[in-house]
Amino acid sequence: MQPRAAAAGVARGRQPSPSPRGGCSSSRKDSLAYLGTSTSSIAHRRMAPRTSGLIQVYTGNGKGKTTAALGLALRARAAGKRVAIVFFDKGGEHYSERRMLTQLGIDWFGYGLDRIDPKTERFRFGVLPEDVSQAEQGIAKARELFFRHLERAGGESRDLGRSIGDFSTPFAAAHSGRNDERGGYDLLILDEINTSVALGMLTEQAVEDLITMKPPTTELVLTGRIEVSRAARPLHCDGSCLAAGGKTHEHRPSYFDHADLVTEMRLVKHYFYEGTPAREGLDY
């Protein structure tokens, strides 16, 4: 939902049907091989299924990654789960959902410079040293959320002393819905962390190291654009949209191997390329 000029689209796919013998169909085996997952490891997981603490990845060049993560956060919070979101590369006051997150009791922490020039209202591409610093602060916050409580008893948690609404400076913005008082989080979303890797603000190793620190009961969701397959060219695309929003990877990041779910949203068609700008309340 970043109001960036990157292309977006829809997620497509279907569940492969099992073979008559209950094993994996050839298409499923091919998919597992592509994702670097063996059929034996899948069989082991079926013998000892986990009900919490999985790792989910929402990626691809299509629209819907942050939107899907926010929907999951809403569902988890409605079920009484403790939820936190760390936003990467999302500075500025452009994100309508943050107003509701606080009311729902979802803790969120925003890191990044404002990429919308206040004078020209144009999106700023490229990476500044401050962008890298902000991304590093974001991943440090994620580590902190894994291992310590943010103010168990009373009061709001405000990172770097900044209040809600003050996101125009190159500092982190934070607000606590106080749902961490019982200790730990059931769901932690790292929004646009994949994009931070794709743009070189974070290394794959840094994210992989973070994943190894994850508490066993915390569900972890990683969002952001990294193209892991060479999809067909989207409709109404002259070629420029394939690389919009930064460089693309022709390989899947190493930390995807730790994921239990990887969903790639694929751009098929987007109203942005017809001249429709990002719209408040619908796109951000």
C-alpha atoms as a PDB file:
ATOM      1  CA  MET A   1       0.000   0.000   0.000  1.00  0.00           C
ATOM      2  CA  GLN A   2       3.029   2.289  -0.247  1.00  0.00           C
ATOM      3  CA  PRO A   3       1.955   5.140  -2.592  1.00  0.00           C
ATOM      4  CA  ARG A   4       4.902   4.370  -4.828  1.00  0.00           C
ATOM      5  CA  ALA A   5       4.978   4.287  -8.584  1.00  0.00           C
ATOM      6  CA  ALA A   6       5.656   0.562  -8.596  1.00  0.00           C
ATOM      7  CA  ALA A   7       3.269  -1.641 -10.529  1.00  0.00           C
ATOM      8  CA  ALA A   8       0.803  -3.894  -8.766  1.00  0.00           C
ATOM      9  CA  GLY A   9      -1.696  -6.601  -9.622  1.00  0.00           C
ATOM     10  CA  VAL A  10      -3.373  -9.736  -8.361  1.00  0.00           C
ATOM     11  CA  ALA A  11      -2.328 -13.038  -6.898  1.00  0.00           C
ATOM     12  CA  ARG A  12      -3.094 -16.075  -8.965  1.00  0.00           C
ATOM     13  CA  GLY A  13      -2.713 -19.785  -8.457  1.00  0.00           C
ATOM     14  CA  ARG A  14      -4.503 -22.938  -7.410  1.00  0.00           C
ATOM     15  CA  GLN A  15      -3.933 -25.723  -4.962  1.00  0.00           C
ATOM     16  CA  PRO A  16      -2.360 -28.768  -6.640  1.00  0.00           C
ATOM     17  CA  SER A  17      -4.511 -31.854  -6.280  1.00  0.00           C
ATOM     18  CA  PRO A  18      -3.036 -34.852  -4.456  1.00  0.00           C
ATOM     19  CA  SER A  19      -2.132 -37.983  -6.349  1.00  0.00           C
ATOM     20  CA  PRO A  20      -4.389 -41.068  -5.972  1.00  0.00           C
ATOM     21  CA  ARG A  21      -1.872 -42.613  -3.577  1.00  0.00           C
ATOM     22  CA  GLY A  22      -1.929 -39.641  -1.260  1.00  0.00           C
ATOM     23  CA  GLY A  23       1.523 -38.381  -2.182  1.00  0.00           C
ATOM     24  CA  CYS A  24       2.404 -35.249  -4.081  1.00  0.00           C
ATOM     25  CA  SER A  25       1.326 -34.783  -7.661  1.00  0.00           C
ATOM     26  CA  SER A  26       4.031 -34.034 -10.194  1.00  0.00           C
ATOM     27  CA  SER A  27       2.992 -30.387 -10.307  1.00  0.00           C
ATOM     28  CA  ARG A  28       3.211 -30.189  -6.534  1.00  0.00           C
ATOM     29  CA  LYS A  29       6.633 -31.837  -6.561  1.00  0.00           C
ATOM     30  CA  ASP A  30       7.783 -29.319  -9.151  1.00  0.00           C
ATOM     31  CA  SER A  31       6.476 -26.480  -6.993  1.00  0.00           C
ATOM     32  CA  LEU A  32       8.200 -27.819  -3.907  1.00  0.00           C
ATOM     33  CA  ALA A  33      11.449 -28.234  -5.793  1.00  0.00           C
ATOM     34  CA  TYR A  34      11.164 -24.642  -7.038  1.00  0.00           C
ATOM     35  CA  LEU A  35      10.676 -23.394  -3.491  1.00  0.00           C
ATOM     36  CA  GLY A  36      13.576 -25.496  -2.243  1.00  0.00           C
ATOM     37  CA  THR A  37      11.340 -27.734  -0.102  1.00  0.00           C
ATOM     38  CA  SER A  38      11.587 -31.493  -0.180  1.00  0.00           C
ATOM     39  CA  THR A  39       8.531 -33.742  -0.174  1.00  0.00           C
ATOM     40  CA  SER A  40       9.991 -35.603   2.799  1.00  0.00           C
ATOM     41  CA  SER A  41      10.030 -32.423   4.875  1.00  0.00           C
ATOM     42  CA  ILE A  42       6.394 -31.821   3.951  1.00  0.00           C
ATOM     43  CA  ALA A  43       5.531 -35.349   5.056  1.00  0.00           C
ATOM     44  CA  HIS A  44       7.304 -34.743   8.364  1.00  0.00           C
ATOM     45  CA  ARG A  45       5.294 -31.573   8.912  1.00  0.00           C
ATOM     46  CA  ARG A  46       2.077 -33.482   8.287  1.00  0.00           C
ATOM     47  CA  MET A  47       3.059 -35.986  10.961  1.00  0.00           C
ATOM     48  CA  ALA A  48       3.720 -33.228  13.477  1.00  0.00           C
ATOM     49  CA  PRO A  49       1.694 -30.208  12.333  1.00  0.00           C
ATOM     50  CA  ARG A  50       2.252 -26.863  13.977  1.00  0.00           C
ATOM     51  CA  THR A  51      -0.660 -24.630  14.826  1.00  0.00           C
ATOM     52  CA  SER A  52       1.319 -21.453  15.511  1.00  0.00           C
ATOM     53  CA  GLY A  53       4.672 -19.875  14.893  1.00  0.00           C
ATOM     54  CA  LEU A  54       4.748 -20.295  11.115  1.00  0.00           C
ATOM     55  CA  ILE A  55       6.535 -17.979   8.679  1.00  0.00           C
ATOM     56  CA  GLN A  56       4.587 -16.435   5.812  1.00  0.00           C
ATOM     57  CA  VAL A  57       5.931 -14.427   2.867  1.00  0.00           C
ATOM     58  CA  TYR A  58       3.820 -12.199   0.610  1.00  0.00           C
ATOM     59  CA  THR A  59       5.878 -11.021  -2.348  1.00  0.00           C
ATOM     60  CA  GLY A  60       5.788 -10.412  -6.102  1.00  0.00           C
ATOM     61  CA  ASN A  61       5.198  -7.429  -8.368  1.00  0.00           C
ATOM     62  CA  GLY A  62       1.429  -7.396  -7.875  1.00  0.00           C
ATOM     63  CA  LYS A  63      -0.753  -5.309  -5.598  1.00  0.00           C
ATOM     64  CA  GLY A  64      -2.022  -6.806  -2.360  1.00  0.00           C
ATOM     65  CA  LYS A  65       0.927  -7.711  -0.145  1.00  0.00           C
ATOM     66  CA  THR A  66       0.448  -5.157   2.610  1.00  0.00           C
ATOM     67  CA  THR A  67      -3.312  -5.420   2.179  1.00  0.00           C
ATOM     68  CA  ALA A  68      -3.183  -9.166   2.820  1.00  0.00           C
ATOM     69  CA  ALA A  69      -0.991  -8.686   5.876  1.00  0.00           C
ATOM     70  CA  LEU A  70      -3.348  -6.058   7.298  1.00  0.00           C
ATOM     71  CA  GLY A  71      -6.263  -8.422   6.795  1.00  0.00           C
ATOM     72  CA  LEU A  72      -4.396 -11.101   8.724  1.00  0.00           C
ATOM     73  CA  ALA A  73      -3.647  -8.617  11.496  1.00  0.00           C
ATOM     74  CA  LEU A  74      -7.341  -7.741  11.726  1.00  0.00           C
ATOM     75  CA  ARG A  75      -8.345 -11.404  11.908  1.00  0.00           C
ATOM     76  CA  ALA A  76      -5.736 -12.198  14.544  1.00  0.00           C
ATOM     77  CA  ARG A  77      -6.659  -9.229  16.693  1.00  0.00           C
ATOM     78  CA  ALA A  78     -10.367 -10.082  16.466  1.00  0.00           C
ATOM     79  CA  ALA A  79      -9.462 -13.514  17.834  1.00  0.00           C
ATOM     80  CA  GLY A  80      -7.771 -11.903  20.826  1.00  0.00           C
ATOM     81  CA  LYS A  81      -4.212 -12.398  19.614  1.00  0.00           C
ATOM     82  CA  ARG A  82      -1.407  -9.954  20.294  1.00  0.00           C
ATOM     83  CA  VAL A  83      -0.253  -8.268  17.098  1.00  0.00           C
ATOM     84  CA  ALA A  84       2.575  -5.915  16.134  1.00  0.00           C
ATOM     85  CA  ILE A  85       3.636  -4.443  12.799  1.00  0.00           C
ATOM     86  CA  VAL A  86       6.998  -2.946  11.850  1.00  0.00           C
ATOM     87  CA  PHE A  87       6.716  -0.803   8.719  1.00  0.00           C
ATOM     88  CA  PHE A  88       9.897  -0.508   6.634  1.00  0.00           C
ATOM     89  CA  ASP A  89      10.556   2.313   4.136  1.00  0.00           C
ATOM     90  CA  LYS A  90       7.265   3.976   5.028  1.00  0.00           C
ATOM     91  CA  GLY A  91       7.834   7.462   6.310  1.00  0.00           C
ATOM     92  CA  GLY A  92       5.317  10.253   5.932  1.00  0.00           C
ATOM     93  CA  GLU A  93       1.698  10.662   6.930  1.00  0.00           C
ATOM     94  CA  HIS A  94       0.160   8.846   3.973  1.00  0.00           C
ATOM     95  CA  TYR A  95      -1.127   5.635   5.525  1.00  0.00           C
ATOM     96  CA  SER A  96      -4.779   5.615   6.481  1.00  0.00           C
ATOM     97  CA  GLU A  97      -4.641   2.196   8.129  1.00  0.00           C
ATOM     98  CA  ARG A  98      -2.443   3.423  10.954  1.00  0.00           C
ATOM     99  CA  ARG A  99      -5.304   5.425  12.428  1.00  0.00           C
ATOM    100  CA  MET A 100      -7.324   2.244  12.833  1.00  0.00           C
ATOM    101  CA  LEU A 101      -4.471   0.009  14.000  1.00  0.00           C
ATOM    102  CA  THR A 102      -4.118   1.980  17.199  1.00  0.00           C
ATOM    103  CA  GLN A 103      -7.841   1.783  17.886  1.00  0.00           C
ATOM    104  CA  LEU A 104      -7.734  -1.984  17.385  1.00  0.00           C
ATOM    105  CA  GLY A 105      -4.918  -2.364  19.893  1.00  0.00           C
ATOM    106  CA  ILE A 106      -2.303  -3.329  17.304  1.00  0.00           C
ATOM    107  CA  ASP A 107       1.187  -2.064  18.122  1.00  0.00           C
ATOM    108  CA  TRP A 108       2.954  -0.541  15.157  1.00  0.00           C
ATOM    109  CA  PHE A 109       6.342   1.028  14.495  1.00  0.00           C
ATOM    110  CA  GLY A 110       7.136   3.028  11.363  1.00  0.00           C
ATOM    111  CA  TYR A 111      10.634   3.424   9.919  1.00  0.00           C
ATOM    112  CA  GLY A 112      11.754   5.274   6.826  1.00  0.00           C
ATOM    113  CA  LEU A 113      11.995   8.671   5.203  1.00  0.00           C
ATOM    114  CA  ASP A 114       9.054  10.227   3.423  1.00  0.00           C
ATOM    115  CA  ARG A 115       9.390   9.263  -0.245  1.00  0.00           C
ATOM    116  CA  ILE A 116       6.805  11.806  -1.398  1.00  0.00           C
ATOM    117  CA  ASP A 117       8.375  15.190  -2.130  1.00  0.00           C
ATOM    118  CA  PRO A 118       6.113  17.743  -0.367  1.00  0.00           C
ATOM    119  CA  LYS A 119       6.798  20.345  -3.065  1.00  0.00           C
ATOM    120  CA  THR A 120       6.421  18.305  -6.240  1.00  0.00           C
ATOM    121  CA  GLU A 121       4.311  15.483  -4.748  1.00  0.00           C
ATOM    122  CA  ARG A 122       6.439  13.108  -6.787  1.00  0.00           C
ATOM    123  CA  PHE A 123       7.733   9.787  -5.534  1.00  0.00           C
ATOM    124  CA  ARG A 124      11.438   9.657  -4.701  1.00  0.00           C
ATOM    125  CA  PHE A 125      13.261   6.624  -6.064  1.00  0.00           C
ATOM    126  CA  GLY A 126      16.762   5.653  -5.031  1.00  0.00           C
ATOM    127  CA  VAL A 127      18.308   4.965  -1.647  1.00  0.00           C
ATOM    128  CA  LEU A 128      19.913   7.507   0.669  1.00  0.00           C
ATOM    129  CA  PRO A 129      22.198   6.681   3.616  1.00  0.00           C
ATOM    130  CA  GLU A 130      19.334   7.702   5.893  1.00  0.00           C
ATOM    131  CA  ASP A 131      17.119   5.084   4.228  1.00  0.00           C
ATOM    132  CA  VAL A 132      19.651   2.403   5.141  1.00  0.00           C
ATOM    133  CA  SER A 133      19.869   3.666   8.703  1.00  0.00           C
ATOM    134  CA  GLN A 134      16.092   3.597   9.055  1.00  0.00           C
ATOM    135  CA  ALA A 135      15.900   0.033   7.747  1.00  0.00           C
ATOM    136  CA  GLU A 136      18.553  -1.065  10.223  1.00  0.00           C
ATOM    137  CA  GLN A 137      16.574   0.558  13.032  1.00  0.00           C
ATOM    138  CA  GLY A 138      13.500  -1.311  11.876  1.00  0.00           C
ATOM    139  CA  ILE A 139      15.178  -4.692  12.017  1.00  0.00           C
ATOM    140  CA  ALA A 140      16.611  -3.814  15.431  1.00  0.00           C
ATOM    141  CA  LYS A 141      13.062  -3.070  16.596  1.00  0.00           C
ATOM    142  CA  ALA A 142      11.928  -6.476  15.339  1.00  0.00           C
ATOM    143  CA  ARG A 143      14.656  -8.150  17.398  1.00  0.00           C
ATOM    144  CA  GLU A 144      13.546  -6.155  20.410  1.00  0.00           C
ATOM    145  CA  LEU A 145       9.940  -7.234  19.948  1.00  0.00           C
ATOM    146  CA  PHE A 146      11.053 -10.844  19.885  1.00  0.00           C
ATOM    147  CA  PHE A 147      12.788 -10.713  23.221  1.00  0.00           C
ATOM    148  CA  ARG A 148      11.458  -8.062  25.536  1.00  0.00           C
ATOM    149  CA  HIS A 149       8.210  -6.344  26.418  1.00  0.00           C
ATOM    150  CA  LEU A 150       7.744  -2.727  25.405  1.00  0.00           C
ATOM    151  CA  GLU A 151       6.300  -1.228  28.641  1.00  0.00           C
ATOM    152  CA  ARG A 152       4.199  -3.859  30.317  1.00  0.00           C
ATOM    153  CA  ALA A 153       2.451  -1.703  32.842  1.00  0.00           C
ATOM    154  CA  GLY A 154       0.518   1.307  31.625  1.00  0.00           C
ATOM    155  CA  GLY A 155       1.370   4.155  29.349  1.00  0.00           C
ATOM    156  CA  GLU A 156       2.003   4.259  25.656  1.00  0.00           C
ATOM    157  CA  SER A 157       5.172   3.118  23.946  1.00  0.00           C
ATOM    158  CA  ARG A 158       6.596   5.910  21.835  1.00  0.00           C
ATOM    159  CA  ASP A 159       9.831   5.249  20.029  1.00  0.00           C
ATOM    160  CA  LEU A 160      12.402   8.058  20.193  1.00  0.00           C
ATOM    161  CA  GLY A 161       9.877  10.198  22.037  1.00  0.00           C
ATOM    162  CA  ARG A 162       7.806  10.885  18.926  1.00  0.00           C
ATOM    163  CA  SER A 163       4.041  11.096  19.101  1.00  0.00           C
ATOM    164  CA  ILE A 164       1.537   9.611  16.712  1.00  0.00           C
ATOM    165  CA  GLY A 165       1.165  11.748  13.601  1.00  0.00           C
ATOM    166  CA  ASP A 166       4.759  13.005  13.593  1.00  0.00           C
ATOM    167  CA  PHE A 167       6.193  10.928  10.762  1.00  0.00           C
ATOM    168  CA  SER A 168       7.647  13.564   8.464  1.00  0.00           C
ATOM    169  CA  THR A 169      11.084  13.472  10.078  1.00  0.00           C
ATOM    170  CA  PRO A 170      13.748  10.828   9.396  1.00  0.00           C
ATOM    171  CA  PHE A 171      13.002   9.086  12.676  1.00  0.00           C
ATOM    172  CA  ALA A 172      10.862   6.148  13.683  1.00  0.00           C
ATOM    173  CA  ALA A 173       7.241   6.609  14.655  1.00  0.00           C
ATOM    174  CA  ALA A 174       5.680   4.212  17.117  1.00  0.00           C
ATOM    175  CA  HIS A 175       2.466   3.657  18.932  1.00  0.00           C
ATOM    176  CA  SER A 176       1.425   0.905  21.284  1.00  0.00           C
ATOM    177  CA  GLY A 177      -2.071  -0.493  21.538  1.00  0.00           C
ATOM    178  CA  ARG A 178      -0.957  -2.081  24.822  1.00  0.00           C
ATOM    179  CA  ASN A 179      -1.694  -5.609  23.651  1.00  0.00           C
ATOM    180  CA  ASP A 180       1.803  -6.760  24.640  1.00  0.00           C
ATOM    181  CA  GLU A 181       1.256  -6.439  28.387  1.00  0.00           C
ATOM    182  CA  ARG A 182       0.786 -10.193  28.756  1.00  0.00           C
ATOM    183  CA  GLY A 183       4.167 -10.716  27.167  1.00  0.00           C
ATOM    184  CA  GLY A 184       5.229 -11.471  23.619  1.00  0.00           C
ATOM    185  CA  TYR A 185       3.340 -11.301  20.345  1.00  0.00           C
ATOM    186  CA  ASP A 186       1.309 -13.958  18.587  1.00  0.00           C
ATOM    187  CA  LEU A 187       1.769 -12.236  15.219  1.00  0.00           C
ATOM    188  CA  LEU A 188       4.555  -9.962  14.007  1.00  0.00           C
ATOM    189  CA  ILE A 189       4.352  -8.406  10.540  1.00  0.00           C
ATOM    190  CA  LEU A 190       7.450  -6.914   8.913  1.00  0.00           C
ATOM    191  CA  ASP A 191       5.906  -4.845   6.153  1.00  0.00           C
ATOM    192  CA  GLU A 192       8.063  -4.037   3.104  1.00  0.00           C
ATOM    193  CA  ILE A 193      11.080  -5.822   4.553  1.00  0.00           C
ATOM    194  CA  ASN A 194      11.474  -7.740   1.280  1.00  0.00           C
ATOM    195  CA  THR A 195      11.539  -4.444  -0.602  1.00  0.00           C
ATOM    196  CA  SER A 196      14.232  -3.191   1.749  1.00  0.00           C
ATOM    197  CA  VAL A 197      16.310  -6.216   0.769  1.00  0.00           C
ATOM    198  CA  ALA A 198      15.610  -5.720  -2.944  1.00  0.00           C
ATOM    199  CA  LEU A 199      16.725  -2.083  -2.721  1.00  0.00           C
ATOM    200  CA  GLY A 200      19.906  -2.965  -0.836  1.00  0.00           C
ATOM    201  CA  MET A 201      18.920  -1.334   2.444  1.00  0.00           C
ATOM    202  CA  LEU A 202      19.117  -4.680   4.242  1.00  0.00           C
ATOM    203  CA  THR A 203      21.026  -7.843   3.438  1.00  0.00           C
ATOM    204  CA  GLU A 204      19.441 -11.246   3.032  1.00  0.00           C
ATOM    205  CA  GLN A 205      21.686 -12.469   5.830  1.00  0.00           C
ATOM    206  CA  ALA A 206      20.336  -9.841   8.224  1.00  0.00           C
ATOM    207  CA  VAL A 207      16.791 -11.067   7.644  1.00  0.00           C
ATOM    208  CA  GLU A 208      17.850 -14.699   7.875  1.00  0.00           C
ATOM    209  CA  ASP A 209      19.587 -14.018  11.194  1.00  0.00           C
ATOM    210  CA  LEU A 210      16.436 -12.324  12.462  1.00  0.00           C
ATOM    211  CA  ILE A 211      14.314 -15.321  11.516  1.00  0.00           C
ATOM    212  CA  THR A 212      16.545 -17.637  13.530  1.00  0.00           C
ATOM    213  CA  MET A 213      15.781 -15.523  16.615  1.00  0.00           C
ATOM    214  CA  LYS A 214      12.010 -15.878  16.248  1.00  0.00           C
ATOM    215  CA  PRO A 215      10.215 -17.291  19.296  1.00  0.00           C
ATOM    216  CA  PRO A 216       8.589 -20.627  18.402  1.00  0.00           C
ATOM    217  CA  THR A 217       5.029 -19.410  19.033  1.00  0.00           C
ATOM    218  CA  THR A 218       5.235 -16.114  17.131  1.00  0.00           C
ATOM    219  CA  GLU A 219       3.749 -16.112  13.625  1.00  0.00           C
ATOM    220  CA  LEU A 220       5.991 -14.041  11.349  1.00  0.00           C
ATOM    221  CA  VAL A 221       4.850 -12.355   8.136  1.00  0.00           C
ATOM    222  CA  LEU A 222       7.284 -10.763   5.668  1.00  0.00           C
ATOM    223  CA  THR A 223       5.896  -8.559   2.904  1.00  0.00           C
ATOM    224  CA  GLY A 224       7.382  -6.611   0.032  1.00  0.00           C
ATOM    225  CA  ARG A 225       8.245  -6.934  -3.608  1.00  0.00           C
ATOM    226  CA  ILE A 226      10.864  -9.393  -4.747  1.00  0.00           C
ATOM    227  CA  GLU A 227      10.096 -11.198  -7.988  1.00  0.00           C
ATOM    228  CA  VAL A 228      10.871 -14.875  -7.522  1.00  0.00           C
ATOM    229  CA  SER A 229       9.600 -16.064 -10.896  1.00  0.00           C
ATOM    230  CA  ARG A 230       9.645 -14.761 -14.430  1.00  0.00           C
ATOM    231  CA  ALA A 231       5.953 -14.146 -14.941  1.00  0.00           C
ATOM    232  CA  ALA A 232       4.386 -13.215 -18.241  1.00  0.00           C
ATOM    233  CA  ARG A 233       4.445  -9.547 -19.138  1.00  0.00           C
ATOM    234  CA  PRO A 234       1.422  -7.744 -17.654  1.00  0.00           C
ATOM    235  CA  LEU A 235      -1.312  -6.389 -19.872  1.00  0.00           C
ATOM    236  CA  HIS A 236      -0.768  -2.835 -21.148  1.00  0.00           C
ATOM    237  CA  CYS A 237       2.911  -2.928 -20.206  1.00  0.00           C
ATOM    238  CA  ASP A 238       5.552  -1.581 -22.570  1.00  0.00           C
ATOM    239  CA  GLY A 239       8.340  -3.152 -20.544  1.00  0.00           C
ATOM    240  CA  SER A 240       9.083  -0.280 -18.195  1.00  0.00           C
ATOM    241  CA  CYS A 241       6.641  -1.559 -15.579  1.00  0.00           C
ATOM    242  CA  LEU A 242       8.616  -4.771 -15.128  1.00  0.00           C
ATOM    243  CA  ALA A 243      11.374  -2.890 -13.336  1.00  0.00           C
ATOM    244  CA  ALA A 244       9.315  -0.160 -11.688  1.00  0.00           C
ATOM    245  CA  GLY A 245      10.019   0.610  -8.066  1.00  0.00           C
ATOM    246  CA  GLY A 246      13.624  -0.534  -7.977  1.00  0.00           C
ATOM    247  CA  LYS A 247      15.750  -3.417  -9.148  1.00  0.00           C
ATOM    248  CA  THR A 248      14.289  -6.894  -9.311  1.00  0.00           C
ATOM    249  CA  HIS A 249      15.826 -10.142  -8.199  1.00  0.00           C
ATOM    250  CA  GLU A 250      15.992 -13.119 -10.538  1.00  0.00           C
ATOM    251  CA  HIS A 251      16.459 -15.469  -7.600  1.00  0.00           C
ATOM    252  CA  ARG A 252      14.547 -16.097  -4.444  1.00  0.00           C
ATOM    253  CA  PRO A 253      16.219 -14.791  -1.263  1.00  0.00           C
ATOM    254  CA  SER A 254      17.889 -17.358   0.948  1.00  0.00           C
ATOM    255  CA  TYR A 255      15.579 -16.639   3.859  1.00  0.00           C
ATOM    256  CA  PHE A 256      12.576 -17.789   1.816  1.00  0.00           C
ATOM    257  CA  ASP A 257      13.810 -21.308   2.577  1.00  0.00           C
ATOM    258  CA  HIS A 258      12.638 -20.825   6.162  1.00  0.00           C
ATOM    259  CA  ALA A 259       9.101 -19.891   5.135  1.00  0.00           C
ATOM    260  CA  ASP A 260       6.129 -22.197   5.524  1.00  0.00           C
ATOM    261  CA  LEU A 261       4.155 -20.189   2.966  1.00  0.00           C
ATOM    262  CA  VAL A 262       5.304 -18.065   0.036  1.00  0.00           C
ATOM    263  CA  THR A 263       2.664 -16.249  -1.999  1.00  0.00           C
ATOM    264  CA  GLU A 264       3.747 -14.323  -5.081  1.00  0.00           C
ATOM    265  CA  MET A 265       1.314 -11.644  -6.231  1.00  0.00           C
ATOM    266  CA  ARG A 266       1.673 -11.316  -9.997  1.00  0.00           C
ATOM    267  CA  LEU A 267       0.923  -8.131 -11.905  1.00  0.00           C
ATOM    268  CA  VAL A 268      -1.569  -8.806 -14.692  1.00  0.00           C
ATOM    269  CA  LYS A 269      -3.171  -5.393 -15.040  1.00  0.00           C
ATOM    270  CA  HIS A 270      -3.115  -2.208 -12.978  1.00  0.00           C
ATOM    271  CA  TYR A 271      -5.045   1.043 -13.227  1.00  0.00           C
ATOM    272  CA  PHE A 272      -1.851   2.950 -12.422  1.00  0.00           C
ATOM    273  CA  TYR A 273      -0.706   2.404 -16.014  1.00  0.00           C
ATOM    274  CA  GLU A 274      -3.981   3.869 -17.229  1.00  0.00           C
ATOM    275  CA  GLY A 275      -3.201   7.095 -15.382  1.00  0.00           C
ATOM    276  CA  THR A 276      -5.085   6.496 -12.131  1.00  0.00           C
ATOM    277  CA  PRO A 277      -3.025   7.762  -9.180  1.00  0.00           C
ATOM    278  CA  ALA A 278      -2.805   6.125  -5.760  1.00  0.00           C
ATOM    279  CA  ARG A 279      -6.035   6.871  -3.893  1.00  0.00           C
ATOM    280  CA  GLU A 280      -6.382   7.613  -0.203  1.00  0.00           C
ATOM    281  CA  GLY A 281      -8.319   4.966   1.656  1.00  0.00           C
ATOM    282  CA  LEU A 282      -8.010   2.470  -1.198  1.00  0.00           C
ATOM    283  CA  ASP A 283      -4.317   2.347  -2.063  1.00  0.00           C
ATOM    284  CA  TYR A 284      -2.836   3.899   1.054  1.00  0.00           C
END
